[in-house]
Amino acid sequence: MMKATIAQAKTRLGKLIDAALRGERVVIVRGSKPAAAIVPVDANGSPALTVSNAAADFLANEARTELALGVARVHESPAAFTAAITKPRRRA
């Protein structure tokens, strides 16, 4: 993963974009905390993000759990789904 401060990103933006296009993770930090990421986009301008096998497994297990508990539902958006599955909850 490549990290750059905001000041570094201002002077090296082209190189950071090239790194993202090569598939490298590029994170912009403010102080010591991650603040943003540079990711490639597809022809429509949508982020060309990939999901790791571990993330896909996690999402599938969450969906199975919701189905088993009878609480499966349609989420309004990807953000709503993410909020629902990352919220701590008690398991039976």
Protein backbone atom coordinates (compact mmCIF):
# COMPACT_ATOMS: atom_id res chain seq x y z
CA MET A 1 0.00 0.00 0.00
CA MET A 2 1.24 3.44 -0.88
CA LYS A 3 0.59 6.26 1.60
CA ALA A 4 0.98 9.97 0.97
CA THR A 5 0.25 13.06 2.99
CA ILE A 6 -1.98 15.72 1.49
CA ALA A 7 1.06 17.88 0.73
CA GLN A 8 2.80 14.94 -0.99
CA ALA A 9 -0.35 14.15 -2.95
CA LYS A 10 -0.47 17.71 -4.28
CA THR A 11 3.01 17.41 -5.75
CA ARG A 12 2.86 13.72 -6.78
CA LEU A 13 -0.74 13.35 -7.93
CA GLY A 14 0.18 11.99 -11.36
CA LYS A 15 2.41 9.30 -9.87
CA LEU A 16 -0.24 8.34 -7.29
CA ILE A 17 -2.85 7.99 -10.02
CA ASP A 18 -0.45 5.84 -12.06
CA ALA A 19 0.10 3.62 -9.01
CA ALA A 20 -3.67 3.22 -8.52
CA LEU A 21 -4.09 2.32 -12.19
CA ARG A 22 -1.44 -0.40 -11.74
CA GLY A 23 -3.57 -1.85 -8.94
CA GLU A 24 -1.68 -0.45 -5.98
CA ARG A 25 -3.66 0.76 -2.97
CA VAL A 26 -3.13 4.51 -2.60
CA VAL A 27 -4.19 6.15 0.67
CA ILE A 28 -3.99 9.86 1.46
CA VAL A 29 -3.39 10.55 5.13
CA ARG A 30 -4.12 13.63 7.20
CA GLY A 31 -1.72 13.59 10.10
CA SER A 32 -1.43 9.88 10.82
CA LYS A 33 -5.04 8.97 9.95
CA PRO A 34 -6.26 7.71 6.57
CA ALA A 35 -8.45 10.39 4.98
CA ALA A 36 -9.05 9.34 1.37
CA ALA A 37 -8.06 6.85 -1.28
CA ILE A 38 -7.25 7.10 -4.96
CA VAL A 39 -8.93 4.34 -6.96
CA PRO A 40 -9.26 3.73 -10.68
CA VAL A 41 -12.65 4.23 -12.35
CA ASP A 42 -14.35 2.31 -15.15
CA ALA A 43 -15.53 3.80 -18.46
CA ASN A 44 -18.67 5.15 -16.74
CA GLY A 45 -16.71 6.93 -14.03
CA SER A 46 -17.69 4.44 -11.32
CA PRO A 47 -14.97 3.23 -8.94
CA ALA A 48 -13.39 0.06 -10.31
CA LEU A 49 -13.13 -1.63 -6.94
CA THR A 50 -12.63 -5.31 -6.34
CA VAL A 51 -13.81 -7.32 -3.37
CA SER A 52 -11.36 -9.69 -1.72
CA ASN A 53 -12.34 -13.31 -1.19
CA ALA A 54 -12.40 -12.69 2.56
CA ALA A 55 -14.79 -9.75 2.14
CA ALA A 56 -17.03 -11.75 -0.19
CA ASP A 57 -17.09 -14.62 2.32
CA PHE A 58 -17.98 -12.20 5.11
CA LEU A 59 -20.86 -10.73 3.11
CA ALA A 60 -22.17 -14.17 2.16
CA ASN A 61 -22.05 -15.31 5.80
CA GLU A 62 -23.88 -12.18 6.93
CA ALA A 63 -26.60 -12.81 4.34
CA ARG A 64 -26.91 -16.46 5.45
CA THR A 65 -27.17 -15.35 9.09
CA GLU A 66 -29.91 -12.83 8.27
CA LEU A 67 -31.83 -15.51 6.36
CA ALA A 68 -31.45 -18.04 9.19
CA LEU A 69 -32.61 -15.50 11.78
CA GLY A 70 -35.52 -14.40 9.62
CA VAL A 71 -34.31 -10.82 9.56
CA ALA A 72 -33.13 -10.69 5.95
CA ARG A 73 -34.33 -7.58 4.17
CA VAL A 74 -33.72 -5.52 1.08
CA HIS A 75 -31.46 -2.55 1.81
CA GLU A 76 -32.03 0.85 0.22
CA SER A 77 -28.45 1.27 -0.94
CA PRO A 78 -24.98 -0.22 -0.63
CA ALA A 79 -24.30 2.31 2.14
CA ALA A 80 -27.39 1.19 4.08
CA PHE A 81 -26.34 -2.45 3.67
CA THR A 82 -22.83 -1.66 4.89
CA ALA A 83 -24.20 0.20 7.91
CA ALA A 84 -26.51 -2.71 8.73
CA ILE A 85 -23.81 -5.39 8.60
CA THR A 86 -21.13 -3.45 10.40
CA LYS A 87 -23.34 -2.42 13.31
CA PRO A 88 -22.46 -4.58 16.35
CA ARG A 89 -25.27 -6.92 17.26
CA ARG A 90 -25.80 -9.77 19.66
CA ARG A 91 -25.95 -13.24 18.25
CA ALA A 92 -28.27 -15.86 19.70
